[in-house]
N, C-alpha and C. Protein backbone atom coordinates (compact mmCIF):
# COMPACT_ATOMS: atom_id res chain seq x y z
N UNK A 1 -29.98 141.95 -72.00
CA UNK A 1 -29.83 140.98 -70.95
C UNK A 1 -30.37 141.01 -69.85
N UNK A 2 -30.19 142.32 -69.11
CA UNK A 2 -30.93 142.86 -67.97
C UNK A 2 -32.78 143.49 -67.51
N UNK A 3 -32.54 143.93 -68.55
CA UNK A 3 -34.70 144.03 -69.42
C UNK A 3 -34.85 142.56 -68.79
N UNK A 4 -34.17 141.64 -70.59
CA UNK A 4 -34.61 140.47 -70.16
C UNK A 4 -35.34 140.05 -69.45
N UNK A 5 -34.49 139.53 -68.26
CA UNK A 5 -33.72 138.64 -66.21
C UNK A 5 -35.17 139.22 -66.20
N UNK A 6 -35.70 140.90 -65.66
CA UNK A 6 -36.70 141.76 -65.10
C UNK A 6 -38.03 141.14 -65.78
N UNK A 7 -37.94 140.48 -66.35
CA UNK A 7 -38.89 140.68 -67.17
C UNK A 7 -39.99 141.65 -68.38
N UNK A 8 -38.79 141.81 -68.83
CA UNK A 8 -39.60 143.02 -68.67
C UNK A 8 -40.29 143.11 -70.47
N UNK A 9 -39.42 142.46 -71.00
CA UNK A 9 -40.64 141.21 -72.26
C UNK A 9 -42.50 141.84 -71.92
N UNK A 10 -42.78 141.20 -71.93
CA UNK A 10 -44.54 141.20 -71.23
C UNK A 10 -44.68 141.57 -70.72
N UNK A 11 -43.87 142.81 -69.70
CA UNK A 11 -44.12 143.74 -68.78
C UNK A 11 -44.99 145.16 -69.84
N UNK A 12 -43.47 144.61 -71.37
CA UNK A 12 -43.10 146.20 -72.40
C UNK A 12 -45.29 145.62 -73.34
N UNK A 13 -45.25 144.45 -73.21
CA UNK A 13 -45.81 144.41 -74.06
C UNK A 13 -47.53 144.56 -74.48
N UNK A 14 -47.22 143.71 -72.75
CA UNK A 14 -48.33 144.35 -72.42
C UNK A 14 -48.86 146.06 -71.45
N UNK A 15 -47.78 146.77 -71.72
CA UNK A 15 -48.46 148.16 -71.47
C UNK A 15 -49.06 148.57 -73.10
N UNK A 16 -48.03 148.72 -73.94
CA UNK A 16 -48.22 148.03 -74.86
C UNK A 16 -49.47 148.43 -75.58
N UNK A 17 -50.63 147.12 -75.15
CA UNK A 17 -51.42 146.40 -75.34
C UNK A 17 -53.15 146.67 -74.91
N UNK A 18 -51.83 147.25 -73.58
CA UNK A 18 -52.80 148.82 -72.81
C UNK A 18 -53.60 150.18 -73.82
N UNK A 19 -53.10 150.13 -74.57
CA UNK A 19 -53.94 151.73 -75.51
C UNK A 19 -54.19 152.77 -74.76
N UNK A 20 -52.61 152.34 -73.35
CA UNK A 20 -52.90 153.88 -72.41
C UNK A 20 -51.91 154.69 -72.00
N UNK A 21 -50.59 153.61 -72.96
CA UNK A 21 -49.84 155.60 -72.43
C UNK A 21 -49.40 156.41 -74.31
N UNK A 22 -48.89 157.54 -74.30
CA UNK A 22 -48.53 158.46 -74.72
C UNK A 22 -47.93 158.00 -75.76
N UNK A 23 -47.75 158.59 -77.46
CA UNK A 23 -46.94 158.52 -78.14
C UNK A 23 -45.89 157.99 -77.34
N UNK A 24 -44.95 158.86 -76.77
CA UNK A 24 -43.44 159.37 -75.99
C UNK A 24 -43.03 157.96 -75.80
N UNK A 25 -44.34 157.33 -74.24
CA UNK A 25 -44.05 156.85 -73.92
C UNK A 25 -44.35 155.60 -74.98
N UNK A 26 -45.03 155.79 -75.90
CA UNK A 26 -45.10 153.99 -76.34
C UNK A 26 -43.47 154.03 -76.99
N UNK A 27 -43.42 154.72 -77.84
CA UNK A 27 -42.03 155.29 -78.65
C UNK A 27 -40.80 154.58 -77.97
N UNK A 28 -40.76 154.86 -76.67
CA UNK A 28 -39.82 154.36 -75.55
C UNK A 28 -40.18 152.86 -75.39
N UNK A 29 -40.80 152.87 -75.41
CA UNK A 29 -41.57 150.56 -75.30
C UNK A 29 -40.94 150.33 -76.02
N UNK A 30 -41.90 150.62 -77.10
CA UNK A 30 -41.16 149.98 -78.79
C UNK A 30 -39.66 149.46 -79.02
N UNK A 31 -38.50 151.31 -79.07
CA UNK A 31 -36.99 150.92 -78.91
C UNK A 31 -37.03 150.38 -77.96
N UNK A 32 -37.01 149.40 -76.32
CA UNK A 32 -36.78 149.17 -76.02
C UNK A 32 -36.96 147.23 -76.64
N UNK A 33 -38.35 147.07 -76.64
CA UNK A 33 -38.32 145.39 -77.61
C UNK A 33 -37.76 145.25 -79.01
N UNK A 34 -37.19 146.47 -79.98
CA UNK A 34 -36.34 146.47 -80.92
C UNK A 34 -34.74 146.35 -80.41
N UNK A 35 -34.08 146.81 -79.24
CA UNK A 35 -33.17 146.32 -78.96
C UNK A 35 -32.97 145.21 -77.71
N UNK A 36 -34.37 145.21 -77.67
CA UNK A 36 -34.02 143.48 -76.99
C UNK A 36 -33.60 142.22 -77.69
N UNK A 37 -34.32 143.29 -79.12
CA UNK A 37 -34.29 142.26 -80.28
C UNK A 37 -33.15 142.17 -81.06
N UNK A 38 -31.83 142.54 -80.30
CA UNK A 38 -31.25 143.15 -81.74
C UNK A 38 -30.12 141.53 -81.05
N UNK A 39 -30.65 140.89 -79.72
CA UNK A 39 -30.00 139.42 -79.17
C UNK A 39 -30.99 138.63 -79.99
N UNK A 40 -30.45 138.32 -80.89
CA UNK A 40 -31.40 136.76 -81.39
C UNK A 40 -32.46 135.79 -80.93
N UNK A 41 -31.37 135.65 -80.12
CA UNK A 41 -32.58 134.96 -78.27
C UNK A 41 -33.76 135.46 -77.90
N UNK A 42 -33.71 136.64 -77.51
CA UNK A 42 -34.43 137.21 -76.96
C UNK A 42 -35.04 137.84 -77.99
N UNK A 43 -34.34 138.48 -79.31
CA UNK A 43 -35.92 138.62 -80.25
C UNK A 43 -36.60 137.86 -80.17
N UNK A 44 -36.82 136.11 -80.60
CA UNK A 44 -37.64 134.99 -80.42
C UNK A 44 -38.19 135.66 -79.71
N UNK A 45 -38.30 135.07 -78.18
CA UNK A 45 -38.84 135.64 -77.05
C UNK A 45 -39.46 136.82 -77.08
N UNK A 46 -39.55 138.11 -77.94
CA UNK A 46 -40.58 138.98 -77.72
C UNK A 46 -41.44 138.44 -78.51
N UNK A 47 -41.21 137.24 -80.42
CA UNK A 47 -41.87 137.86 -81.12
C UNK A 47 -42.92 136.37 -80.82
N UNK A 48 -42.44 135.46 -79.41
CA UNK A 48 -43.14 134.29 -79.21
C UNK A 48 -44.14 135.17 -78.16
N UNK A 49 -43.64 136.30 -77.95
CA UNK A 49 -45.00 136.43 -76.95
C UNK A 49 -45.73 137.49 -77.24
N UNK A 50 -45.82 138.22 -78.75
CA UNK A 50 -46.77 139.05 -78.75
C UNK A 50 -46.91 140.26 -80.07
N UNK A 51 -44.54 140.33 -79.32
CA UNK A 51 -44.43 141.41 -79.45
C UNK A 51 -44.61 141.89 -80.32
N UNK A 52 -44.88 141.45 -82.20
CA UNK A 52 -44.26 141.96 -83.15
C UNK A 52 -46.29 142.67 -83.49
N UNK A 53 -47.56 141.86 -83.54
CA UNK A 53 -48.99 142.22 -82.63
C UNK A 53 -48.97 143.84 -81.95
N UNK A 54 -48.66 143.55 -80.96
CA UNK A 54 -48.77 144.65 -79.81
C UNK A 54 -48.39 145.76 -80.54
N UNK A 55 -46.82 145.72 -80.98
CA UNK A 55 -45.60 147.44 -81.70
C UNK A 55 -47.02 148.00 -82.72
N UNK A 56 -47.92 147.01 -83.81
CA UNK A 56 -47.92 147.36 -84.86
C UNK A 56 -49.16 148.32 -84.47
N UNK A 57 -50.48 147.11 -83.34
CA UNK A 57 -51.40 148.58 -82.60
C UNK A 57 -50.98 149.71 -82.10
N UNK A 58 -49.43 149.98 -81.12
CA UNK A 58 -49.12 150.87 -80.93
C UNK A 58 -48.66 151.99 -81.97
N UNK A 59 -48.60 151.54 -83.35
CA UNK A 59 -47.83 152.19 -84.52
C UNK A 59 -49.82 152.68 -84.83
N UNK A 60 -50.07 151.52 -84.97
CA UNK A 60 -51.38 152.42 -86.27
C UNK A 60 -52.31 153.67 -84.87
N UNK A 61 -51.84 153.38 -83.62
CA UNK A 61 -52.05 153.75 -82.73
C UNK A 61 -52.36 156.07 -82.66
N UNK A 62 -50.84 155.68 -83.21
CA UNK A 62 -49.59 157.29 -83.78
C UNK A 62 -49.36 157.18 -84.96
N UNK A 63 -49.87 157.40 -86.04
CA UNK A 63 -48.99 157.03 -86.92
C UNK A 63 -48.04 157.84 -87.64
N UNK A 64 -48.79 159.57 -87.02
CA UNK A 64 -48.24 160.69 -87.56
C UNK A 64 -47.50 161.33 -86.00
N UNK A 65 -46.68 160.25 -85.09
CA UNK A 65 -45.50 160.62 -84.72
C UNK A 65 -44.54 160.46 -84.31
N UNK A 66 -43.37 161.22 -84.45
CA UNK A 66 -42.20 160.66 -85.64
C UNK A 66 -41.73 159.65 -84.82
N UNK A 67 -41.71 159.83 -83.99
CA UNK A 67 -40.93 159.03 -81.68
C UNK A 67 -41.91 157.41 -82.59
N UNK A 68 -42.62 157.38 -82.35
CA UNK A 68 -43.42 156.13 -82.98
C UNK A 68 -42.99 155.36 -83.81
N UNK A 69 -42.40 155.78 -84.93
CA UNK A 69 -42.86 156.20 -86.63
C UNK A 69 -41.02 155.44 -86.56
N UNK A 70 -40.18 156.41 -86.12
CA UNK A 70 -38.97 155.81 -86.00
C UNK A 70 -38.99 154.20 -84.62
N UNK A 71 -39.13 154.68 -84.36
CA UNK A 71 -39.37 153.17 -82.59
C UNK A 71 -39.40 151.85 -83.55
N UNK A 72 -40.95 151.86 -83.96
CA UNK A 72 -41.36 150.74 -84.98
C UNK A 72 -40.73 150.13 -86.34
N UNK A 73 -39.91 151.58 -86.88
CA UNK A 73 -39.32 150.97 -88.53
C UNK A 73 -38.16 150.73 -87.51
N UNK A 74 -37.51 151.23 -87.02
CA UNK A 74 -36.44 150.31 -85.99
C UNK A 74 -36.65 148.88 -85.28
N UNK A 75 -37.21 149.19 -85.52
CA UNK A 75 -38.16 147.19 -84.00
C UNK A 75 -38.45 146.78 -85.43
N UNK A 76 -39.09 146.65 -86.24
CA UNK A 76 -39.59 145.56 -87.78
C UNK A 76 -38.32 145.94 -88.39
N UNK A 77 -36.87 146.68 -88.53
CA UNK A 77 -35.99 145.92 -89.11
C UNK A 77 -35.83 144.62 -88.18
N UNK A 78 -35.77 145.26 -86.84
CA UNK A 78 -34.68 143.75 -86.37
C UNK A 78 -35.12 142.92 -86.05
N UNK A 79 -36.49 142.80 -85.78
CA UNK A 79 -37.48 141.48 -85.87
C UNK A 79 -37.24 140.19 -87.09
N UNK A 80 -37.90 141.41 -88.89
CA UNK A 80 -37.39 140.84 -89.71
C UNK A 80 -36.49 140.33 -89.90
N UNK A 81 -34.85 140.29 -89.30
CA UNK A 81 -34.04 139.17 -89.38
C UNK A 81 -33.91 137.59 -89.12
N UNK A 82 -35.13 137.57 -88.46
CA UNK A 82 -35.09 136.00 -88.04
C UNK A 82 -36.73 135.25 -89.23
N UNK A 83 -37.13 134.01 -90.10
CA UNK A 83 -37.74 133.98 -90.72
C UNK A 83 -38.68 133.87 -89.56
N UNK A 84 -39.14 133.86 -88.27
CA UNK A 84 -39.89 133.56 -87.13
C UNK A 84 -40.97 135.00 -87.62
N UNK A 85 -39.55 136.19 -87.44
CA UNK A 85 -40.77 137.31 -87.35
C UNK A 85 -41.30 138.25 -88.76
N UNK A 86 -40.27 137.15 -90.04
CA UNK A 86 -40.57 138.73 -90.98
C UNK A 86 -42.19 136.92 -91.40
N UNK A 87 -42.13 136.42 -90.82
CA UNK A 87 -43.68 135.85 -91.03
C UNK A 87 -45.07 136.47 -90.02
N UNK A 88 -44.23 137.04 -88.81
CA UNK A 88 -45.01 136.96 -88.00
C UNK A 88 -45.65 138.72 -88.40
N UNK A 89 -45.04 139.57 -89.25
CA UNK A 89 -44.91 140.97 -89.48
C UNK A 89 -46.13 140.82 -91.16
N UNK A 90 -45.87 139.51 -91.84
CA UNK A 90 -46.26 139.51 -92.60
C UNK A 90 -48.22 139.08 -92.30
N UNK A 91 -48.11 138.09 -91.38
CA UNK A 91 -49.39 138.21 -90.43
C UNK A 91 -49.90 139.14 -90.37
N UNK A 92 -49.36 139.86 -89.69
CA UNK A 92 -50.26 140.76 -88.81
C UNK A 92 -50.08 142.66 -89.39
N UNK A 93 -49.85 142.29 -90.62
CA UNK A 93 -49.87 143.42 -91.81
C UNK A 93 -48.98 144.37 -90.79
N UNK A 94 -47.93 143.68 -91.01
CA UNK A 94 -46.49 144.62 -91.05
C UNK A 94 -46.64 145.26 -92.09
N UNK A 95 -45.46 144.40 -93.27
CA UNK A 95 -45.98 145.30 -94.79
C UNK A 95 -46.97 146.02 -95.37
N UNK A 96 -48.16 146.46 -94.91
CA UNK A 96 -49.17 147.27 -94.46
C UNK A 96 -48.79 148.99 -93.41
N UNK A 97 -48.59 148.63 -92.84
CA UNK A 97 -47.65 149.66 -91.77
C UNK A 97 -46.35 150.17 -92.65
N UNK A 98 -45.66 149.22 -93.09
CA UNK A 98 -44.07 149.14 -93.17
C UNK A 98 -44.90 150.33 -94.52
N UNK A 99 -45.63 150.73 -95.80
CA UNK A 99 -45.59 150.93 -96.31
C UNK A 99 -46.14 152.30 -95.86
N UNK A 100 -47.32 151.97 -95.43
CA UNK A 100 -48.41 153.43 -94.96
C UNK A 100 -47.07 154.88 -94.49
N UNK A 101 -46.24 154.40 -93.29
CA UNK A 101 -45.41 155.23 -92.99
C UNK A 101 -43.59 154.66 -93.96
N UNK A 102 -42.83 153.87 -94.64
CA UNK A 102 -43.28 154.87 -95.54
C UNK A 102 -43.37 156.11 -96.63
N UNK A 103 -45.20 156.23 -96.78
CA UNK A 103 -45.78 156.59 -97.94
C UNK A 103 -45.82 158.22 -97.09
N UNK A 104 -45.79 158.12 -95.84
CA UNK A 104 -45.93 159.02 -95.51
C UNK A 104 -44.68 160.45 -94.61
N UNK A 105 -44.52 160.02 -95.27
CA UNK A 105 -42.40 160.52 -94.64
C UNK A 105 -41.64 160.07 -95.84
N UNK A 106 -42.56 160.23 -96.60
CA UNK A 106 -41.03 160.20 -97.77
C UNK A 106 -39.33 160.13 -97.31
N UNK A 107 -40.36 161.79 -97.45
CA UNK A 107 -38.96 162.40 -97.38
C UNK A 107 -37.13 162.08 -95.88
N UNK A 108 -38.06 161.09 -94.70
CA UNK A 108 -37.25 160.74 -93.80
C UNK A 108 -36.53 159.71 -94.03
N UNK A 109 -35.16 159.68 -93.64
CA UNK A 109 -33.80 159.02 -94.13
C UNK A 109 -33.85 157.80 -93.59
N UNK A 110 -34.49 158.27 -91.23
CA UNK A 110 -34.34 156.76 -91.31
C UNK A 110 -35.52 155.74 -91.50
N UNK A 111 -36.32 156.03 -92.10
CA UNK A 111 -38.22 155.67 -92.04
C UNK A 111 -37.64 154.89 -93.77
N UNK A 112 -36.74 155.88 -94.19
CA UNK A 112 -36.36 154.69 -95.28
C UNK A 112 -35.71 153.78 -95.90
N UNK A 113 -35.23 153.85 -94.51
CA UNK A 113 -33.72 152.70 -94.25
C UNK A 113 -34.27 151.91 -94.14
């Protein structure tokens, strides 16, 4: 709640879109967005603000970093709980990203779940 009140959603998305963050920083930002999405009304705000394409772009920049992979998988799991989030995942190659991470990390239980 506090992060959202302070304007974290557009700030996090903007930082991810900049492409300047390290893999570790991006994983932390994606994790924060995923935690925000756990609250349904805020999840809708993340989706409307462009969070899904920003997260997928960050994942595509660091697809081998396990921190980015774990945070992206957890984020996608949260946003896919709503019809709007699921549609945005499909429209932004989220399914392709999921397949890539599940194929690359076939033995990683958190990624597979």
